Amino acid sequence: NAARKTLATANLVVGGKRLLAACQDAISPKN
């Protein structure tokens, strides 16, 4: 849950394709 909150306010998320896919629903597509 803490990681989800961090991802929700992120402006740039960096990682391997597998890791980015796993976090897709926690990342705000607009911001």
Full PDB file with SEQRES, HELIX, SHEET, SSBOND, CRYST1, ORIGX, SCALE, CONECT and MASTER records, all heavy atoms in Angstrom:
SEQRES   1 A   31  ASN ALA ALA ARG LYS THR LEU ALA THR ALA ASN LEU VAL          
SEQRES   2 A   31  VAL GLY GLY LYS ARG LEU LEU ALA ALA CYS GLN ASP ALA          
SEQRES   3 A   31  ILE SER PRO LYS ASN                                          
HELIX    1 AA1 ALA A    2  ALA A    8  1                                   7    
HELIX    2 AA2 LYS A   17  ALA A   22  1                                   6    
HELIX    3 AA3 GLN A   24  ALA A   26  5                                   3    
CRYST1    1.000    1.000    1.000  90.00  90.00  90.00 P 1           1          
ORIGX1      1.000000  0.000000  0.000000        0.00000                         
ORIGX2      0.000000  1.000000  0.000000        0.00000                         
ORIGX3      0.000000  0.000000  1.000000        0.00000                         
SCALE1      1.000000  0.000000  0.000000        0.00000                         
SCALE2      0.000000  1.000000  0.000000        0.00000                         
SCALE3      0.000000  0.000000  1.000000        0.00000                         
ATOM      1  N   ASN A   1       0.837  -1.214   0.000  1.00  0.00           N  
ATOM      2  CA  ASN A   1       0.000   0.000   0.000  1.00  0.00           C  
ATOM      3  C   ASN A   1       0.865   1.254   0.000  1.00  0.00           C  
ATOM      4  O   ASN A   1       0.538   2.252  -0.668  1.00  0.00           O  
ATOM      5  CB  ASN A   1      -0.928  -0.006   1.223  1.00  0.00           C  
ATOM      6  CG  ASN A   1      -2.028  -1.055   1.083  1.00  0.00           C  
ATOM      7  OD1 ASN A   1      -2.428  -1.393  -0.036  1.00  0.00           O  
ATOM      8  ND2 ASN A   1      -2.511  -1.564   2.206  1.00  0.00           N  
ATOM      9  N   ALA A   2       1.963   1.220   0.752  1.00  0.00           N  
ATOM     10  CA  ALA A   2       2.860   2.378   0.797  1.00  0.00           C  
ATOM     11  C   ALA A   2       3.474   2.627  -0.579  1.00  0.00           C  
ATOM     12  O   ALA A   2       3.597   3.789  -1.020  1.00  0.00           O  
ATOM     13  CB  ALA A   2       3.955   2.135   1.830  1.00  0.00           C  
ATOM     14  N   ALA A   3       3.838   1.548  -1.279  1.00  0.00           N  
ATOM     15  CA  ALA A   3       4.405   1.698  -2.620  1.00  0.00           C  
ATOM     16  C   ALA A   3       3.372   2.254  -3.589  1.00  0.00           C  
ATOM     17  O   ALA A   3       3.711   3.061  -4.470  1.00  0.00           O  
ATOM     18  CB  ALA A   3       4.927   0.350  -3.108  1.00  0.00           C  
ATOM     19  N   ARG A   4       2.125   1.846  -3.436  1.00  0.00           N  
ATOM     20  CA  ARG A   4       1.052   2.360  -4.308  1.00  0.00           C  
ATOM     21  C   ARG A   4       0.901   3.872  -4.149  1.00  0.00           C  
ATOM     22  O   ARG A   4       0.704   4.610  -5.123  1.00  0.00           O  
ATOM     23  CB  ARG A   4      -0.273   1.665  -4.008  1.00  0.00           C  
ATOM     24  CG  ARG A   4      -0.348   0.260  -4.560  1.00  0.00           C  
ATOM     25  CD  ARG A   4      -1.710  -0.377  -4.345  1.00  0.00           C  
ATOM     26  NE  ARG A   4      -1.755  -1.700  -4.947  1.00  0.00           N  
ATOM     27  CZ  ARG A   4      -2.008  -1.927  -6.227  1.00  0.00           C  
ATOM     28  NH1 ARG A   4      -2.274  -0.901  -7.037  1.00  0.00           N  
ATOM     29  NH2 ARG A   4      -2.028  -3.156  -6.707  1.00  0.00           N  
ATOM     30  N   LYS A   5       0.986   4.345  -2.917  1.00  0.00           N  
ATOM     31  CA  LYS A   5       0.869   5.786  -2.662  1.00  0.00           C  
ATOM     32  C   LYS A   5       2.029   6.544  -3.311  1.00  0.00           C  
ATOM     33  O   LYS A   5       1.849   7.632  -3.873  1.00  0.00           O  
ATOM     34  CB  LYS A   5       0.842   6.046  -1.155  1.00  0.00           C  
ATOM     35  CG  LYS A   5      -0.450   5.592  -0.479  1.00  0.00           C  
ATOM     36  CD  LYS A   5      -0.403   5.848   1.017  1.00  0.00           C  
ATOM     37  CE  LYS A   5      -1.684   5.357   1.699  1.00  0.00           C  
ATOM     38  NZ  LYS A   5      -1.620   5.548   3.180  1.00  0.00           N  
ATOM     39  N   THR A   6       3.216   5.969  -3.223  1.00  0.00           N  
ATOM     40  CA  THR A   6       4.398   6.594  -3.832  1.00  0.00           C  
ATOM     41  C   THR A   6       4.239   6.654  -5.350  1.00  0.00           C  
ATOM     42  O   THR A   6       4.528   7.678  -5.983  1.00  0.00           O  
ATOM     43  CB  THR A   6       5.674   5.805  -3.466  1.00  0.00           C  
ATOM     44  OG1 THR A   6       5.820   5.794  -2.044  1.00  0.00           O  
ATOM     45  CG2 THR A   6       6.907   6.425  -4.087  1.00  0.00           C  
ATOM     46  N   LEU A   7       3.770   5.557  -5.944  1.00  0.00           N  
ATOM     47  CA  LEU A   7       3.602   5.505  -7.397  1.00  0.00           C  
ATOM     48  C   LEU A   7       2.498   6.451  -7.882  1.00  0.00           C  
ATOM     49  O   LEU A   7       2.592   7.013  -8.982  1.00  0.00           O  
ATOM     50  CB  LEU A   7       3.291   4.067  -7.834  1.00  0.00           C  
ATOM     51  CG  LEU A   7       4.464   3.082  -7.779  1.00  0.00           C  
ATOM     52  CD1 LEU A   7       3.975   1.653  -7.902  1.00  0.00           C  
ATOM     53  CD2 LEU A   7       5.478   3.393  -8.881  1.00  0.00           C  
ATOM     54  N   ALA A   8       1.474   6.636  -7.059  1.00  0.00           N  
ATOM     55  CA  ALA A   8       0.337   7.476  -7.466  1.00  0.00           C  
ATOM     56  C   ALA A   8       0.737   8.935  -7.660  1.00  0.00           C  
ATOM     57  O   ALA A   8       0.108   9.673  -8.433  1.00  0.00           O  
ATOM     58  CB  ALA A   8      -0.783   7.373  -6.431  1.00  0.00           C  
ATOM     59  N   THR A   9       1.805   9.376  -6.977  1.00  0.00           N  
ATOM     60  CA  THR A   9       2.238  10.781  -7.078  1.00  0.00           C  
ATOM     61  C   THR A   9       3.501  10.943  -7.916  1.00  0.00           C  
ATOM     62  O   THR A   9       4.085  12.025  -7.958  1.00  0.00           O  
ATOM     63  CB  THR A   9       2.497  11.353  -5.670  1.00  0.00           C  
ATOM     64  OG1 THR A   9       3.500  10.553  -5.018  1.00  0.00           O  
ATOM     65  CG2 THR A   9       1.217  11.329  -4.833  1.00  0.00           C  
ATOM     66  N   ALA A  10       3.925   9.880  -8.585  1.00  0.00           N  
ATOM     67  CA  ALA A  10       5.169   9.933  -9.355  1.00  0.00           C  
ATOM     68  C   ALA A  10       4.972  10.667 -10.680  1.00  0.00           C  
ATOM     69  O   ALA A  10       3.902  10.605 -11.291  1.00  0.00           O  
ATOM     70  CB  ALA A  10       5.684   8.518  -9.611  1.00  0.00           C  
ATOM     71  N   ASN A  11       6.032  11.363 -11.126  1.00  0.00           N  
ATOM     72  CA  ASN A  11       6.039  12.002 -12.447  1.00  0.00           C  
ATOM     73  C   ASN A  11       6.812  11.172 -13.470  1.00  0.00           C  
ATOM     74  O   ASN A  11       6.596  11.312 -14.677  1.00  0.00           O  
ATOM     75  CB  ASN A  11       6.682  13.388 -12.370  1.00  0.00           C  
ATOM     76  CG  ASN A  11       5.980  14.297 -11.389  1.00  0.00           C  
ATOM     77  OD1 ASN A  11       6.569  14.720 -10.408  1.00  0.00           O  
ATOM     78  ND2 ASN A  11       4.707  14.593 -11.636  1.00  0.00           N  
ATOM     79  N   LEU A  12       7.711  10.326 -12.974  1.00  0.00           N  
ATOM     80  CA  LEU A  12       8.487   9.445 -13.859  1.00  0.00           C  
ATOM     81  C   LEU A  12       8.762   8.147 -13.120  1.00  0.00           C  
ATOM     82  O   LEU A  12       9.249   8.158 -11.989  1.00  0.00           O  
ATOM     83  CB  LEU A  12       9.819  10.098 -14.257  1.00  0.00           C  
ATOM     84  CG  LEU A  12      10.794   9.230 -15.077  1.00  0.00           C  
ATOM     85  CD1 LEU A  12      10.209   8.910 -16.446  1.00  0.00           C  
ATOM     86  CD2 LEU A  12      12.150   9.928 -15.227  1.00  0.00           C  
ATOM     87  N   VAL A  13       8.405   7.016 -13.776  1.00  0.00           N  
ATOM     88  CA  VAL A  13       8.674   5.696 -13.195  1.00  0.00           C  
ATOM     89  C   VAL A  13       9.604   4.942 -14.141  1.00  0.00           C  
ATOM     90  O   VAL A  13       9.332   4.835 -15.341  1.00  0.00           O  
ATOM     91  CB  VAL A  13       7.371   4.894 -12.968  1.00  0.00           C  
ATOM     92  CG1 VAL A  13       7.702   3.500 -12.406  1.00  0.00           C  
ATOM     93  CG2 VAL A  13       6.448   5.634 -12.016  1.00  0.00           C  
ATOM     94  N   VAL A  14      10.683   4.458 -13.594  1.00  0.00           N  
ATOM     95  CA  VAL A  14      11.723   3.795 -14.374  1.00  0.00           C  
ATOM     96  C   VAL A  14      11.859   2.343 -13.898  1.00  0.00           C  
ATOM     97  O   VAL A  14      11.844   2.075 -12.690  1.00  0.00           O  
ATOM     98  CB  VAL A  14      13.087   4.520 -14.201  1.00  0.00           C  
ATOM     99  CG1 VAL A  14      14.163   3.857 -15.060  1.00  0.00           C  
ATOM    100  CG2 VAL A  14      12.960   5.995 -14.525  1.00  0.00           C  
ATOM    101  N   GLY A  15      11.987   1.416 -14.835  1.00  0.00           N  
ATOM    102  CA  GLY A  15      12.172   0.013 -14.440  1.00  0.00           C  
ATOM    103  C   GLY A  15      12.165  -0.900 -15.644  1.00  0.00           C  
ATOM    104  O   GLY A  15      11.889  -0.469 -16.775  1.00  0.00           O  
ATOM    105  N   GLY A  16      12.459  -2.167 -15.412  1.00  0.00           N  
ATOM    106  CA  GLY A  16      12.365  -3.156 -16.475  1.00  0.00           C  
ATOM    107  C   GLY A  16      10.927  -3.310 -16.935  1.00  0.00           C  
ATOM    108  O   GLY A  16       9.984  -2.971 -16.204  1.00  0.00           O  
ATOM    109  N   LYS A  17      10.767  -3.803 -18.162  1.00  0.00           N  
ATOM    110  CA  LYS A  17       9.417  -3.927 -18.741  1.00  0.00           C  
ATOM    111  C   LYS A  17       8.497  -4.766 -17.853  1.00  0.00           C  
ATOM    112  O   LYS A  17       7.316  -4.446 -17.675  1.00  0.00           O  
ATOM    113  CB  LYS A  17       9.505  -4.550 -20.132  1.00  0.00           C  
ATOM    114  CG  LYS A  17      10.103  -3.622 -21.186  1.00  0.00           C  
ATOM    115  CD  LYS A  17      10.124  -4.289 -22.549  1.00  0.00           C  
ATOM    116  CE  LYS A  17      10.681  -3.355 -23.621  1.00  0.00           C  
ATOM    117  NZ  LYS A  17      10.721  -4.002 -24.957  1.00  0.00           N  
ATOM    118  N   ARG A  18       9.031  -5.848 -17.294  1.00  0.00           N  
ATOM    119  CA  ARG A  18       8.232  -6.738 -16.447  1.00  0.00           C  
ATOM    120  C   ARG A  18       7.756  -6.003 -15.196  1.00  0.00           C  
ATOM    121  O   ARG A  18       6.608  -6.152 -14.756  1.00  0.00           O  
ATOM    122  CB  ARG A  18       9.098  -7.953 -16.077  1.00  0.00           C  
ATOM    123  CG  ARG A  18       8.387  -9.084 -15.343  1.00  0.00           C  
ATOM    124  CD  ARG A  18       9.326 -10.273 -15.204  1.00  0.00           C  
ATOM    125  NE  ARG A  18      10.521  -9.917 -14.443  1.00  0.00           N  
ATOM    126  CZ  ARG A  18      10.636 -10.060 -13.122  1.00  0.00           C  
ATOM    127  NH1 ARG A  18       9.624 -10.559 -12.427  1.00  0.00           N  
ATOM    128  NH2 ARG A  18      11.741  -9.720 -12.500  1.00  0.00           N  
ATOM    129  N   LEU A  19       8.634  -5.176 -14.611  1.00  0.00           N  
ATOM    130  CA  LEU A  19       8.277  -4.450 -13.399  1.00  0.00           C  
ATOM    131  C   LEU A  19       7.284  -3.322 -13.704  1.00  0.00           C  
ATOM    132  O   LEU A  19       6.339  -3.093 -12.941  1.00  0.00           O  
ATOM    133  CB  LEU A  19       9.544  -3.875 -12.753  1.00  0.00           C  
ATOM    134  CG  LEU A  19      10.641  -4.881 -12.385  1.00  0.00           C  
ATOM    135  CD1 LEU A  19      11.815  -4.171 -11.729  1.00  0.00           C  
ATOM    136  CD2 LEU A  19      10.106  -5.957 -11.454  1.00  0.00           C  
ATOM    137  N   LEU A  20       7.482  -2.645 -14.822  1.00  0.00           N  
ATOM    138  CA  LEU A  20       6.539  -1.571 -15.203  1.00  0.00           C  
ATOM    139  C   LEU A  20       5.146  -2.140 -15.454  1.00  0.00           C  
ATOM    140  O   LEU A  20       4.136  -1.530 -15.062  1.00  0.00           O  
ATOM    141  CB  LEU A  20       7.048  -0.850 -16.451  1.00  0.00           C  
ATOM    142  CG  LEU A  20       8.271   0.068 -16.271  1.00  0.00           C  
ATOM    143  CD1 LEU A  20       8.762   0.553 -17.623  1.00  0.00           C  
ATOM    144  CD2 LEU A  20       7.930   1.254 -15.366  1.00  0.00           C  
ATOM    145  N   ALA A  21       5.088  -3.307 -16.103  1.00  0.00           N  
ATOM    146  CA  ALA A  21       3.784  -3.936 -16.383  1.00  0.00           C  
ATOM    147  C   ALA A  21       3.070  -4.300 -15.081  1.00  0.00           C  
ATOM    148  O   ALA A  21       1.838  -4.156 -14.966  1.00  0.00           O  
ATOM    149  CB  ALA A  21       3.983  -5.180 -17.253  1.00  0.00           C  
ATOM    150  N   ALA A  22       3.834  -4.756 -14.081  1.00  0.00           N  
ATOM    151  CA  ALA A  22       3.232  -5.151 -12.801  1.00  0.00           C  
ATOM    152  C   ALA A  22       2.668  -3.954 -12.042  1.00  0.00           C  
ATOM    153  O   ALA A  22       1.741  -4.108 -11.234  1.00  0.00           O  
ATOM    154  CB  ALA A  22       4.280  -5.871 -11.945  1.00  0.00           C  
ATOM    155  N   CYS A  23       3.211  -2.761 -12.304  1.00  0.00           N  
ATOM    156  CA  CYS A  23       2.788  -1.559 -11.566  1.00  0.00           C  
ATOM    157  C   CYS A  23       1.845  -0.661 -12.360  1.00  0.00           C  
ATOM    158  O   CYS A  23       1.517   0.449 -11.913  1.00  0.00           O  
ATOM    159  CB  CYS A  23       4.020  -0.753 -11.153  1.00  0.00           C  
ATOM    160  SG  CYS A  23       5.115  -1.611 -10.027  1.00  0.00           S  
ATOM    161  N   GLN A  24       1.418  -1.119 -13.527  1.00  0.00           N  
ATOM    162  CA  GLN A  24       0.670  -0.257 -14.441  1.00  0.00           C  
ATOM    163  C   GLN A  24      -0.583   0.341 -13.805  1.00  0.00           C  
ATOM    164  O   GLN A  24      -0.870   1.530 -13.985  1.00  0.00           O  
ATOM    165  CB  GLN A  24       0.279  -1.049 -15.699  1.00  0.00           C  
ATOM    166  CG  GLN A  24      -0.063  -0.177 -16.894  1.00  0.00           C  
ATOM    167  CD  GLN A  24       1.087   0.727 -17.325  1.00  0.00           C  
ATOM    168  OE1 GLN A  24       2.213   0.274 -17.470  1.00  0.00           O  
ATOM    169  NE2 GLN A  24       0.798   2.018 -17.506  1.00  0.00           N  
ATOM    170  N   ASP A  25      -1.315  -0.456 -13.038  1.00  0.00           N  
ATOM    171  CA  ASP A  25      -2.571   0.046 -12.478  1.00  0.00           C  
ATOM    172  C   ASP A  25      -2.353   1.017 -11.311  1.00  0.00           C  
ATOM    173  O   ASP A  25      -3.285   1.691 -10.878  1.00  0.00           O  
ATOM    174  CB  ASP A  25      -3.464  -1.113 -12.016  1.00  0.00           C  
ATOM    175  CG  ASP A  25      -2.850  -1.893 -10.861  1.00  0.00           C  
ATOM    176  OD1 ASP A  25      -1.600  -1.853 -10.722  1.00  0.00           O  
ATOM    177  OD2 ASP A  25      -3.599  -2.535 -10.102  1.00  0.00           O  
ATOM    178  N   ALA A  26      -1.115   1.102 -10.797  1.00  0.00           N  
ATOM    179  CA  ALA A  26      -0.832   2.014  -9.683  1.00  0.00           C  
ATOM    180  C   ALA A  26      -0.257   3.348 -10.162  1.00  0.00           C  
ATOM    181  O   ALA A  26      -0.073   4.264  -9.370  1.00  0.00           O  
ATOM    182  CB  ALA A  26       0.143   1.356  -8.712  1.00  0.00           C  
ATOM    183  N   ILE A  27       0.020   3.447 -11.464  1.00  0.00           N  
ATOM    184  CA  ILE A  27       0.639   4.654 -12.019  1.00  0.00           C  
ATOM    185  C   ILE A  27      -0.435   5.517 -12.669  1.00  0.00           C  
ATOM    186  O   ILE A  27      -1.281   5.026 -13.416  1.00  0.00           O  
ATOM    187  CB  ILE A  27       1.715   4.280 -13.067  1.00  0.00           C  
ATOM    188  CG1 ILE A  27       2.831   3.447 -12.417  1.00  0.00           C  
ATOM    189  CG2 ILE A  27       2.296   5.517 -13.723  1.00  0.00           C  
ATOM    190  CD1 ILE A  27       3.803   2.849 -13.411  1.00  0.00           C  
ATOM    191  N   SER A  28      -0.398   6.822 -12.372  1.00  0.00           N  
ATOM    192  CA  SER A  28      -1.365   7.747 -12.973  1.00  0.00           C  
ATOM    193  C   SER A  28      -0.976   8.011 -14.429  1.00  0.00           C  
ATOM    194  O   SER A  28       0.081   8.591 -14.695  1.00  0.00           O  
ATOM    195  CB  SER A  28      -1.379   9.069 -12.196  1.00  0.00           C  
ATOM    196  OG  SER A  28      -2.108  10.032 -12.903  1.00  0.00           O  
ATOM    197  N   PRO A  29      -1.804   7.612 -15.383  1.00  0.00           N  
ATOM    198  CA  PRO A  29      -1.435   7.788 -16.794  1.00  0.00           C  
ATOM    199  C   PRO A  29      -1.393   9.250 -17.231  1.00  0.00           C  
ATOM    200  O   PRO A  29      -0.723   9.598 -18.197  1.00  0.00           O  
ATOM    201  CB  PRO A  29      -2.534   7.017 -17.548  1.00  0.00           C  
ATOM    202  CG  PRO A  29      -3.686   6.966 -16.609  1.00  0.00           C  
ATOM    203  CD  PRO A  29      -3.120   6.968 -15.218  1.00  0.00           C  
ATOM    204  N   LYS A  30      -2.113  10.142 -16.537  1.00  0.00           N  
ATOM    205  CA  LYS A  30      -2.154  11.553 -16.930  1.00  0.00           C  
ATOM    206  C   LYS A  30      -0.896  12.310 -16.504  1.00  0.00           C  
ATOM    207  O   LYS A  30      -0.383  13.152 -17.234  1.00  0.00           O  
ATOM    208  CB  LYS A  30      -3.390  12.238 -16.323  1.00  0.00           C  
ATOM    209  CG  LYS A  30      -4.711  11.747 -16.894  1.00  0.00           C  
ATOM    210  CD  LYS A  30      -5.867  12.504 -16.269  1.00  0.00           C  
ATOM    211  CE  LYS A  30      -7.210  12.022 -16.834  1.00  0.00           C  
ATOM    212  NZ  LYS A  30      -8.340  12.744 -16.202  1.00  0.00           N  
ATOM    213  N   ASN A  31      -0.424  12.025 -15.301  1.00  0.00           N  
ATOM    214  CA  ASN A  31       0.661  12.829 -14.719  1.00  0.00           C  
ATOM    215  C   ASN A  31       2.017  12.148 -14.720  1.00  0.00           C  
ATOM    216  O   ASN A  31       2.998  12.745 -14.274  1.00  0.00           O  
ATOM    217  CB  ASN A  31       0.311  13.209 -13.273  1.00  0.00           C  
ATOM    218  CG  ASN A  31      -1.033  13.904 -13.183  1.00  0.00           C  
ATOM    219  OD1 ASN A  31      -1.342  14.743 -14.032  1.00  0.00           O  
ATOM    220  ND2 ASN A  31      -1.819  13.558 -12.180  1.00  0.00           N  
TER     221      ASN A  31                                                      
MASTER        0    0    0    3    0    0    0    6  220    1    0    3          
END                                                                             
